[in-house]
Structures are given as structure tokens and as C-alpha cells.
Protein backbone atom coordinates (compact mmCIF):
# COMPACT_ATOMS: atom_id res chain seq x y z
CA MET A 1 26.92 44.06 -2.37
CA ARG A 2 23.58 42.79 -1.45
CA ASN A 3 22.28 43.07 -4.65
CA ARG A 4 25.47 41.53 -5.95
CA ARG A 5 24.63 38.52 -3.52
CA GLU A 6 21.05 38.42 -4.16
CA PHE A 7 21.96 37.90 -7.78
CA LEU A 8 24.81 35.00 -7.00
CA GLN A 9 21.75 33.44 -4.70
CA GLN A 10 19.42 33.76 -7.64
CA THR A 11 21.83 32.36 -10.17
CA LEU A 12 22.90 29.02 -7.99
CA ALA A 13 19.06 28.48 -7.41
CA THR A 14 18.56 28.86 -11.74
CA ALA A 15 21.39 26.54 -11.97
CA THR A 16 20.34 24.17 -9.21
CA LEU A 17 16.84 23.76 -10.85
CA LEU A 18 18.10 23.02 -14.29
CA ALA A 19 20.42 20.63 -13.25
CA THR A 20 17.76 18.82 -11.12
CA ARG A 21 15.36 18.96 -14.46
CA THR A 22 18.50 17.77 -16.76
CA THR A 23 18.56 14.94 -14.25
CA LEU A 24 15.20 14.41 -14.66
CA ALA A 25 15.24 14.33 -18.16
CA ALA A 26 18.33 12.26 -18.79
CA PRO A 27 17.47 8.73 -19.83
CA LEU A 28 18.46 5.65 -17.42
CA ASN A 29 21.41 4.56 -18.45
CA LEU A 30 21.56 0.96 -17.06
CA SER A 31 24.97 0.42 -18.76
CA ALA A 32 26.51 2.60 -16.11
CA LEU A 33 26.17 -0.28 -13.47
CA LYS A 34 28.74 -2.43 -12.76
CA SER A 35 27.26 -4.92 -10.63
CA PRO A 36 23.71 -6.35 -9.96
CA VAL A 37 23.98 -5.73 -6.45
CA LEU A 38 22.52 -2.51 -4.81
CA PHE A 39 23.11 -3.20 -1.04
CA THR A 40 25.49 -5.71 -0.16
CA GLY A 41 24.65 -8.03 3.14
CA ASP A 42 27.95 -8.47 5.62
CA ALA A 43 28.16 -10.02 8.43
CA THR A 44 25.80 -7.92 10.91
CA HIS A 45 23.64 -6.42 7.80
CA ALA A 46 20.79 -8.14 5.74
CA TYR A 47 18.93 -6.45 2.86
CA ARG A 48 15.37 -8.69 1.86
CA ASP A 49 12.44 -8.45 0.41
CA PRO A 50 12.81 -5.03 -1.85
CA ALA A 51 9.41 -3.05 -3.45
CA ALA A 52 10.15 0.14 -5.39
CA ILE A 53 8.41 2.82 -7.24
CA PHE A 54 9.68 5.30 -9.76
CA HIS A 55 8.57 8.79 -8.58
CA ASN A 56 9.12 12.51 -9.71
CA GLY A 57 12.45 11.33 -10.94
CA TRP A 58 13.45 8.89 -7.99
CA PHE A 59 13.82 5.67 -7.34
CA TYR A 60 12.50 5.04 -4.22
CA LEU A 61 13.17 1.34 -2.69
CA TYR A 62 11.84 0.15 0.53
CA PHE A 63 13.15 -3.39 1.97
CA THR A 64 13.54 -5.38 5.14
CA TYR A 65 16.84 -4.07 6.67
CA VAL A 66 17.87 -6.25 9.56
CA THR A 67 20.86 -5.12 11.60
CA THR A 68 23.05 -6.92 14.58
CA GLY A 69 24.41 -5.02 17.11
CA THR A 70 26.95 -5.73 19.87
CA ASP A 71 24.16 -7.55 21.61
CA ASN A 72 24.15 -9.96 18.92
CA ILE A 73 20.46 -9.48 18.38
CA ALA A 74 19.18 -8.92 14.96
CA TYR A 75 16.60 -6.51 14.83
CA SER A 76 14.53 -6.47 11.37
CA HIS A 77 12.74 -3.02 10.13
CA VAL A 78 11.17 -1.56 6.97
CA ALA A 79 13.45 0.78 5.31
CA TRP A 80 14.06 3.12 2.47
CA SER A 81 16.80 4.47 0.06
CA LYS A 82 16.23 6.91 -3.00
CA SER A 83 18.27 7.05 -6.03
CA ARG A 84 18.34 8.76 -9.18
CA ASP A 85 20.43 6.39 -11.38
CA LEU A 86 20.09 3.21 -9.82
CA THR A 87 23.70 3.61 -8.53
CA HIS A 88 24.20 6.02 -5.72
CA TRP A 89 21.89 5.66 -3.25
CA THR A 90 21.35 7.47 0.13
CA ALA A 91 22.01 5.59 3.14
CA PRO A 92 18.78 3.49 4.63
CA ILE A 93 16.59 4.99 6.85
CA ASN A 94 14.50 2.92 9.19
CA LEU A 95 10.39 3.33 9.40
CA THR A 96 9.85 0.80 11.98
CA PRO A 97 10.93 0.36 15.17
CA SER A 98 13.86 -2.14 16.83
CA ASP A 99 11.18 -4.25 18.95
CA LYS A 100 11.54 -7.92 18.82
CA SER A 101 7.96 -8.81 19.34
CA LEU A 102 7.28 -6.84 15.86
CA ASP A 103 10.16 -7.05 13.92
CA TYR A 104 8.61 -5.13 10.94
CA GLY A 105 9.66 -6.44 7.16
CA SER A 106 8.95 -7.32 3.68
CA PRO A 107 7.11 -4.27 2.54
CA GLY A 108 5.07 -5.39 -0.50
CA ASP A 109 4.12 -2.57 -2.75
CA LEU A 110 3.03 1.05 -3.09
CA ILE A 111 -0.16 2.29 -4.37
CA ARG A 112 -2.29 5.20 -4.72
CA HIS A 113 -5.63 5.49 -2.60
CA ASN A 114 -7.71 8.74 -1.19
CA ASN A 115 -4.52 11.13 -2.43
CA GLN A 116 -1.68 9.40 -0.48
CA TRP A 117 0.50 6.60 -0.92
CA VAL A 118 -0.13 3.22 0.63
CA LEU A 119 2.72 0.71 1.56
CA CYS A 120 1.90 -2.75 2.79
CA LEU A 121 4.03 -4.71 5.17
CA GLN A 122 4.28 -7.46 8.10
CA THR A 123 5.31 -8.25 11.28
CA TYR A 124 7.60 -11.33 11.91
CA PRO A 125 8.17 -11.27 15.73
CA ARG A 126 10.68 -13.34 16.84
CA PRO A 127 10.66 -12.37 20.48
CA HIS A 128 12.69 -15.63 22.07
CA GLY A 129 15.40 -15.95 19.24
CA GLU A 130 13.28 -17.87 16.49
CA ARG A 131 14.77 -18.42 13.22
CA TYR A 132 11.42 -17.41 11.67
CA GLY A 133 8.25 -15.03 12.70
CA ASN A 134 6.19 -16.74 14.75
CA GLN A 135 2.32 -17.66 14.73
CA ASP A 136 1.51 -13.65 15.93
CA SER A 137 3.04 -12.17 11.93
CA ARG A 138 0.72 -10.18 10.70
CA ILE A 139 0.09 -7.70 7.49
CA PHE A 140 -0.38 -4.18 7.77
CA THR A 141 -0.40 -0.93 5.88
CA MET A 142 1.05 2.68 6.50
CA ARG A 143 0.45 5.82 4.63
CA SER A 144 2.11 8.72 3.59
CA ASP A 145 1.84 11.91 1.62
CA ASP A 146 5.39 11.90 0.50
CA LEU A 147 6.94 8.73 0.25
CA GLU A 148 9.57 9.64 3.13
CA HIS A 149 7.23 10.24 6.04
CA TRP A 150 4.75 7.27 7.61
CA SER A 151 1.86 7.16 9.51
CA THR A 152 1.72 4.30 12.19
CA PRO A 153 1.15 0.55 10.72
CA GLU A 154 -2.72 -0.35 10.93
CA LEU A 155 -3.92 -4.20 10.67
CA LEU A 156 -5.32 -5.52 7.44
CA GLN A 157 -8.29 -7.18 8.73
CA VAL A 158 -8.23 -9.66 5.19
CA LYS A 159 -9.79 -12.66 7.12
CA GLY A 160 -13.00 -10.21 7.70
CA PRO A 161 -14.04 -7.51 9.81
CA ASN A 162 -15.27 -10.01 12.46
CA VAL A 163 -12.53 -11.88 12.93
CA PRO A 164 -9.96 -11.01 15.72
CA ARG A 165 -6.37 -10.48 15.32
CA GLU A 166 -5.84 -13.40 17.29
CA LYS A 167 -7.68 -15.75 15.33
CA MET A 168 -6.49 -14.49 11.96
CA GLY A 169 -3.82 -17.08 11.58
CA ARG A 170 0.17 -16.39 10.80
CA MET A 171 0.27 -14.19 8.05
CA ILE A 172 3.08 -12.60 5.74
CA ASP A 173 4.35 -10.69 2.33
CA PRO A 174 1.57 -8.75 1.62
CA TYR A 175 0.89 -7.22 -1.78
CA LEU A 176 -2.04 -4.80 -2.95
CA LEU A 177 -3.35 -4.58 -6.39
CA ALA A 178 -6.30 -3.20 -8.36
CA ASP A 179 -8.65 -5.32 -10.14
CA LYS A 180 -7.54 -5.11 -14.15
CA ASP A 181 -11.65 -4.77 -15.05
CA THR A 182 -13.54 -3.54 -11.84
CA PRO A 183 -12.69 0.10 -10.87
CA ASN A 184 -12.15 0.58 -7.28
CA LYS A 185 -11.83 -2.91 -6.59
CA TRP A 186 -8.44 -3.90 -4.58
CA TRP A 187 -7.20 -7.07 -4.11
CA CYS A 188 -4.18 -8.28 -1.48
CA PHE A 189 -2.50 -11.22 -1.82
CA TYR A 190 -0.62 -12.69 1.33
CA LYS A 191 1.27 -15.73 2.16
CA GLN A 192 -0.83 -18.41 4.16
CA ASN A 193 -1.89 -21.60 3.04
CA GLY A 194 0.41 -21.17 -0.22
CA ILE A 195 -0.89 -17.38 -1.60
CA SER A 196 -4.27 -16.11 -0.13
CA LEU A 197 -6.46 -13.63 -1.66
CA SER A 198 -9.05 -11.16 -0.17
CA SER A 199 -10.75 -8.37 -2.14
CA SER A 200 -12.05 -5.04 -1.02
CA ARG A 201 -13.36 -1.75 -1.87
CA ASP A 202 -11.89 0.91 0.52
CA LEU A 203 -8.89 -1.09 1.79
CA LYS A 204 -10.81 -1.52 5.33
CA THR A 205 -13.27 -4.15 4.74
CA TRP A 206 -12.10 -7.10 3.04
CA THR A 207 -13.52 -10.51 1.87
CA PRO A 208 -11.57 -13.43 1.50
CA GLN A 209 -11.65 -14.99 -1.84
CA GLY A 210 -9.33 -18.26 -2.22
CA ARG A 211 -5.93 -19.23 -2.73
CA ILE A 212 -2.97 -19.99 -5.42
CA ASP A 213 -0.30 -23.07 -4.78
CA ALA A 214 2.31 -20.72 -4.94
CA GLY A 215 5.12 -19.98 -2.98
CA GLU A 216 5.77 -16.42 -0.75
CA ASN A 217 6.65 -12.90 -1.54
CA PRO A 218 4.25 -12.45 -4.35
CA CYS A 219 4.15 -9.38 -6.69
CA VAL A 220 1.52 -9.28 -9.57
CA LEU A 221 1.31 -7.28 -12.49
CA VAL A 222 -1.45 -6.70 -14.85
CA VAL A 223 -0.17 -7.41 -18.30
CA ARG A 224 -2.58 -5.03 -21.52
CA GLY A 225 -2.34 -6.79 -24.97
CA PRO A 226 -4.50 -6.13 -27.85
CA ASP A 227 -6.99 -8.76 -27.34
CA HIS A 228 -7.45 -9.23 -23.68
CA SER A 229 -5.65 -8.50 -20.19
CA GLU A 230 -3.88 -11.27 -17.61
CA TYR A 231 -2.14 -11.35 -14.32
CA LEU A 232 1.71 -12.07 -14.28
CA LEU A 233 2.45 -13.79 -11.02
CA PHE A 234 6.00 -13.74 -9.67
CA HIS A 235 6.39 -15.47 -6.59
CA SER A 236 9.13 -17.51 -4.10
CA PRO A 237 9.34 -21.29 -4.59
CA SER A 238 12.33 -22.73 -2.22
CA ASN A 239 14.88 -21.27 -4.47
CA GLY A 240 14.28 -18.83 -7.66
CA ILE A 241 11.52 -16.65 -9.01
CA GLY A 242 8.53 -18.65 -10.00
CA ILE A 243 6.31 -17.24 -12.77
CA LYS A 244 2.19 -17.81 -13.03
CA ARG A 245 -0.25 -16.22 -15.57
CA SER A 246 -4.34 -15.32 -15.39
CA THR A 247 -7.05 -14.01 -16.65
CA ASP A 248 -9.32 -14.39 -13.64
CA LEU A 249 -7.33 -14.73 -10.33
CA LYS A 250 -8.76 -18.42 -10.07
CA THR A 251 -6.97 -20.51 -13.05
CA TRP A 252 -2.96 -20.10 -13.29
CA HIS A 253 -0.70 -21.21 -15.72
CA ASP A 254 2.62 -21.89 -14.60
CA GLU A 255 5.45 -20.67 -16.19
CA GLY A 256 8.58 -21.85 -15.04
CA THR A 257 11.03 -20.36 -12.52
CA LEU A 258 13.87 -18.10 -13.28
CA THR A 259 17.66 -18.06 -11.30
CA LEU A 260 18.97 -15.33 -13.35
CA GLY A 261 22.88 -15.64 -13.11
CA GLN A 262 22.60 -17.10 -9.63
CA LYS A 263 25.08 -19.77 -10.59
CA GLN A 264 27.86 -17.23 -11.33
CA TRP A 265 27.21 -15.02 -8.41
CA PRO A 266 29.08 -15.99 -5.04
CA TRP A 267 26.66 -13.78 -3.23
CA ALA A 268 23.47 -15.49 -4.50
CA GLN A 269 24.63 -19.22 -3.90
CA GLY A 270 22.39 -20.15 -0.96
CA ARG A 271 19.11 -18.87 -2.19
CA LEU A 272 17.49 -16.13 -5.01
CA THR A 273 14.36 -14.79 -4.22
CA ALA A 274 11.79 -12.51 -3.08
CA ALA A 275 11.44 -10.58 -6.90
CA PHE A 276 9.57 -7.33 -7.29
CA VAL A 277 9.17 -6.26 -10.93
CA LEU A 278 8.36 -2.75 -11.54
CA ASP A 279 7.44 -2.28 -15.23
CA LEU A 280 8.19 1.24 -16.67
CA ARG A 281 8.59 0.00 -20.10
CA ALA A 282 5.83 2.84 -20.78
CA ASP A 283 8.00 5.43 -19.18
CA PRO A 284 10.22 6.84 -22.05
CA ALA A 285 12.90 7.61 -19.35
CA ILE A 286 13.14 4.15 -18.36
CA GLY A 287 11.62 1.94 -21.37
CA LYS A 288 12.14 -1.65 -19.19
CA ALA A 289 10.68 -3.72 -16.32
CA LEU A 290 13.16 -3.52 -13.72
CA MET A 291 13.51 -6.69 -11.11
CA PHE A 292 14.83 -6.20 -7.62
CA PHE A 293 15.21 -9.46 -5.72
CA HIS A 294 17.60 -10.68 -2.99
CA ALA A 295 19.74 -13.36 -2.64
CA SER A 296 22.09 -14.80 0.06
CA THR A 297 25.57 -16.00 0.16
CA TYR A 298 24.99 -18.71 2.20
CA PRO A 299 21.56 -20.72 2.79
CA GLU A 300 19.12 -19.86 5.36
CA THR A 301 20.36 -23.18 8.13
CA ASP A 302 24.05 -22.30 7.36
CA ARG A 303 25.65 -21.45 10.79
CA ARG A 304 27.52 -18.88 9.03
CA GLY A 305 24.37 -16.98 8.26
CA GLY A 306 22.25 -16.02 5.01
CA PHE A 307 18.91 -14.62 6.60
CA ASP A 308 20.02 -11.93 9.51
CA ASN A 309 23.12 -11.55 7.22
CA TYR A 310 24.81 -12.03 4.29
CA ALA A 311 21.48 -11.27 2.05
CA SER A 312 22.08 -8.54 -0.57
CA LEU A 313 19.48 -6.74 -2.71
CA ALA A 314 20.28 -6.64 -6.67
CA ILE A 315 18.43 -5.69 -9.70
CA ALA A 316 17.78 -7.26 -13.64
CA TRP A 317 15.73 -5.45 -16.04
CA SER A 318 13.43 -7.07 -19.47
CA ASN A 319 12.12 -5.52 -22.55
CA ASP A 320 9.39 -8.06 -22.20
CA LEU A 321 8.96 -9.96 -18.93
CA LYS A 322 10.30 -13.05 -20.07
CA ASN A 323 13.83 -12.37 -20.96
CA TRP A 324 15.99 -10.82 -18.13
CA ASP A 325 19.80 -9.24 -18.37
CA TRP A 326 21.89 -7.68 -15.45
CA PRO A 327 25.28 -5.86 -15.73
CA ARG A 328 27.89 -8.52 -16.63
């Protein structure tokens, strides 16, 4: 009996492993998506500001998760979920506490540094019921070994080590990027006076490096061609997804604004914004650049909501970072 039980256990383990390998090896089937919406906001929930990574066959999605309880108070968190196929997602798990003096949100992106994952994010304090984060809004990083368990947030001193926290000014929407030409050099883009930039060699000591005339929620890709490479910036104007291009992070060329299928989407009539682009065109299992974004049913100033509720996460994709498609 014992040998039979061990045999069955080994058989089950082998079958599970093979199934997992099959899942990992199967190409992504975007045609299986029936709607662009991945997470649907409602009267007591909002999903905003996505950031994503594809690792070991899993899509990890991080986002601002706003929940309103029976006390009618909206609490903002950074939460995460994962999926194999972009259709079936695990239930959101909060990484940050419910605290109106902090109200964490807006995860920017994930990078690899010193054998750990680094996630950047913001605080967005609204302790007195403010509509938007107050002047104490700051940007932070968290670290992880497995993309699921994260350290306590650590302040990003992007104004320099000698500028105290209270003198840094309101800043939100961080994004971290490795320099395309200089090894071990990092950039932090963040919303302050347009989009501001700081540079660092170790993610700890930062030097301010100017600004870009752009909206919020920066997402920056390095696009390499046969002759040269460029930075491609996705940002958020009042509505839609703005695009700018640069070779040196100083001179930027405007390439217009995307609104995707907003005119036909009832869930996006308020605002479409906060695009994060995960460029997986070189990955044979994916072969696309995936754009995650959020949109609201109502304008943010509408009495029905549109900021702390009725905001949904959605997806589009592209072969060339210019022409975008989505489930019709």
C-alpha cells in the first residue's frame, strides 16, 4: 500500500511539473481575451496606475488599489496580482497598510538591482479627505527576492542627500530606468514641475538633472535600432497617453497622444491615462509590447466618482510601439 501511495504521489508530482512546463512554454493567446478590461472598478473599488513584469512564465501586475469601506472612507494601497494568460488573475493582495496619512499608490516599475527586485511607488496622503494627495506626497522604493514579499518602503531622496524630507516638495509617480549608454547609471523620473529627472550610481545618492515638459505617470523605454538607440516616454496629459522621443533625455520630440478605443468604451468615458508599456517583442512566448493602463467611467470631478471608484485596469498591445490593438 505504501509503495502504491508513493508511486501515485510521484506520478502526480510529475504530471504537475509537466503541466507547469507546458503552461510556461505555450505561446500567449491574446485572442482569448474577450475584453480589454482586466480588473473592473465599481462603486467601492478603483484600480489605477499599473506596473507589470513577466518572470518565470508569470505576469505580475502591481497597481493602486482603492477600497471604500462601510465608514465611507477610501483607502489607497499598492496591491499585486499574477496571471499565466492575462485572463485569469489571482485576487489582489495589498503590499501596504491602510493609513490615510500615507495612502500608498502608483507603483512605477520594477528593476533588478544587487540580486533583488526593486519596486518604486509613492505616498499620496489625504488625511482630511482631500481629493488629491497633499504636499507630503513623496516617492519610495521597496525590495523583494520573489516579487511577492516586499520590504518596508524606503524614501527616494531624489533632490540629493542633503535635502531633508520636508524640503523636497510634493512629488509622485516615480519610474526607474537604467541609462542606455552608461553602465551602472540609473535614472529616476517623477512628477514634479512637469516630469523631473535625477541620476544615481547606487539608487541611494541622487543628483537632480533637469525636467521634461510633460504630464504625469512617466514610463520610459529604451528602443534600440540598427544605427542608434532612443528613449521613448509615455506620459499622462489631461486625457490619453502622450508620447515623446529623445536620444539624450534633454531634447524631446512630441509624437502625439493615444486614446485607443476610448470613444467606444463606456468604462473609459471619464479619463484614459497612466500607461505602462512592457516591451516583450523579443520574447518568443509573447512577441508583443503590452500596454497596461487605467480608465474611469466618470470624470474625476463627477459626483458619482471616477477617482476612488469606477476606475478599471485594461490592456492593449503592439508590434511596433506605434500601432495598438485590443480585444474588440
